[in-house]
Amino acid sequence: MVKKATERKERLLPSGVPRWVRCYDNGGETTDRYTVVFTGRYAHKTARQHWALFMSASPFSPQGVGMHDTSPDQYDTGRSGWAPGMGRKCHLGRRIPFDSLPDDCKRAAIQDYSCLWDL
């Protein structure tokens, strides 16, 4: 049982990087500069709602921003049904690799991701 749990965690969180997220940076246009869109097949656990996390660089700080939202549609797919490629822009900002997020944003995203995927 422990081996299966460890293998599952490594599949979903390889090297500590969530597999099923897309990250965006709007370059500081708004206080909630960073967005993490949770993807994958978890919506059956969330009443068919898709999750997103909107944050400043310090989401745990009293002066920071860390907001959650849900939607029946994925946040970043637009009319085409596809998310922008890495480095491309959408209304959330430029898509960036998870590792480009500030450390506190990574921590907040992993907390939510772990909850969604029961890790």
Protein backbone atom coordinates (compact mmCIF):
# COMPACT_ATOMS: atom_id res chain seq x y z
CA MET A 1 0.00 0.00 0.00
CA VAL A 2 2.81 2.44 0.87
CA LYS A 3 4.60 1.58 -2.37
CA LYS A 4 1.46 2.34 -4.43
CA ALA A 5 0.98 5.67 -2.62
CA THR A 6 4.61 6.59 -3.24
CA GLU A 7 4.38 5.62 -6.92
CA ARG A 8 1.15 7.61 -7.30
CA LYS A 9 2.70 10.67 -5.69
CA GLU A 10 5.73 10.43 -7.97
CA ARG A 11 3.43 10.18 -11.02
CA LEU A 12 1.34 13.19 -9.99
CA LEU A 13 4.12 15.26 -8.39
CA PRO A 14 7.33 14.24 -10.18
CA SER A 15 10.37 15.81 -8.50
CA GLY A 16 8.01 18.01 -6.49
CA VAL A 17 6.47 19.64 -9.59
CA PRO A 18 2.70 19.24 -10.03
CA ARG A 19 2.00 17.47 -13.29
CA TRP A 20 -1.52 18.80 -13.83
CA VAL A 21 -1.20 22.59 -13.54
CA ARG A 22 -0.65 25.50 -15.90
CA CYS A 23 0.94 28.68 -14.54
CA TYR A 24 0.68 32.28 -15.69
CA ASP A 25 2.38 35.60 -14.91
CA ASN A 26 0.69 38.84 -15.95
CA GLY A 27 3.87 40.84 -15.37
CA GLY A 28 2.46 42.79 -12.44
CA GLU A 29 -0.56 44.28 -14.20
CA THR A 30 -2.68 43.34 -11.17
CA THR A 31 -2.03 42.52 -7.53
CA ASP A 32 -2.85 38.88 -8.21
CA ARG A 33 0.03 38.63 -10.67
CA TYR A 34 0.35 34.82 -10.71
CA THR A 35 -2.34 32.32 -11.65
CA VAL A 36 -2.24 28.55 -11.31
CA VAL A 37 -4.90 26.65 -13.23
CA PHE A 38 -5.47 23.11 -12.00
CA THR A 39 -6.00 20.63 -14.82
CA GLY A 40 -6.54 16.91 -15.17
CA ARG A 41 -9.48 14.73 -14.24
CA TYR A 42 -10.39 15.88 -10.77
CA ALA A 43 -13.68 17.73 -11.49
CA HIS A 44 -15.73 14.70 -10.42
CA LYS A 45 -14.51 15.48 -6.89
CA THR A 46 -15.34 19.21 -7.09
CA ALA A 47 -18.95 19.19 -8.30
CA ARG A 48 -17.69 19.53 -11.91
CA GLN A 49 -15.95 22.79 -11.08
CA HIS A 50 -12.43 23.66 -12.23
CA TRP A 51 -10.11 25.30 -9.71
CA ALA A 52 -7.72 28.21 -10.07
CA LEU A 53 -5.48 30.03 -7.62
CA PHE A 54 -4.70 33.74 -8.07
CA MET A 55 -1.76 35.13 -6.07
CA SER A 56 0.71 37.88 -5.42
CA ALA A 57 4.34 36.85 -4.89
CA SER A 58 3.57 36.46 -1.15
CA PRO A 59 0.19 34.70 -0.89
CA PHE A 60 0.67 33.82 2.81
CA SER A 61 1.53 37.37 3.88
CA PRO A 62 -1.14 39.61 5.47
CA GLN A 63 -0.29 42.15 2.76
CA GLY A 64 -0.32 39.49 0.03
CA VAL A 65 -3.06 38.05 -2.13
CA GLY A 66 -4.09 34.43 -2.37
CA MET A 67 -7.57 33.82 -3.81
CA HIS A 68 -9.30 30.69 -5.06
CA ASP A 69 -12.03 30.52 -7.65
CA THR A 70 -14.03 27.83 -9.38
CA SER A 71 -15.67 27.70 -12.78
CA PRO A 72 -17.62 25.15 -14.81
CA ASP A 73 -15.15 25.85 -17.64
CA GLN A 74 -11.37 25.72 -17.61
CA TYR A 75 -9.94 29.20 -17.01
CA ASP A 76 -7.35 29.37 -19.74
CA THR A 77 -8.69 27.49 -22.74
CA GLY A 78 -10.71 30.25 -24.41
CA ARG A 79 -12.80 29.75 -27.51
CA SER A 80 -10.31 27.44 -29.14
CA GLY A 81 -10.58 24.92 -26.35
CA TRP A 82 -6.78 24.92 -26.00
CA ALA A 83 -4.52 26.56 -23.44
CA PRO A 84 -1.71 28.74 -24.78
CA GLY A 85 1.68 27.12 -25.25
CA MET A 86 4.57 27.82 -22.90
CA GLY A 87 5.64 31.45 -23.29
CA ARG A 88 2.40 32.43 -25.05
CA LYS A 89 -0.19 34.84 -23.64
CA CYS A 90 -3.86 34.68 -22.77
CA HIS A 91 -6.06 36.86 -20.57
CA LEU A 92 -4.26 35.47 -17.49
CA GLY A 93 -0.82 36.58 -18.69
CA ARG A 94 2.14 34.73 -20.15
CA ARG A 95 2.31 31.00 -19.52
CA ILE A 96 5.36 30.13 -17.44
CA PRO A 97 6.90 26.93 -16.06
CA PHE A 98 5.94 25.99 -12.50
CA ASP A 99 9.55 26.49 -11.41
CA SER A 100 9.33 30.18 -12.42
CA LEU A 101 6.74 30.89 -9.70
CA PRO A 102 7.96 32.51 -6.47
CA ASP A 103 8.59 29.95 -3.71
CA ASP A 104 5.49 30.88 -1.69
CA CYS A 105 3.32 30.58 -4.81
CA LYS A 106 4.75 27.12 -5.45
CA ARG A 107 3.97 26.14 -1.87
CA ALA A 108 0.38 27.41 -2.11
CA ALA A 109 -0.15 25.61 -5.43
CA ILE A 110 1.24 22.33 -4.10
CA GLN A 111 -1.04 22.55 -1.04
CA ASP A 112 -4.13 22.85 -3.25
CA TYR A 113 -2.87 20.28 -5.74
CA SER A 114 -2.22 17.78 -2.94
CA CYS A 115 -5.76 18.30 -1.68
CA LEU A 116 -7.27 17.78 -5.15
CA TRP A 117 -5.29 14.63 -5.82
CA ASP A 118 -5.35 13.21 -2.24
CA LEU A 119 -1.58 13.22 -1.90
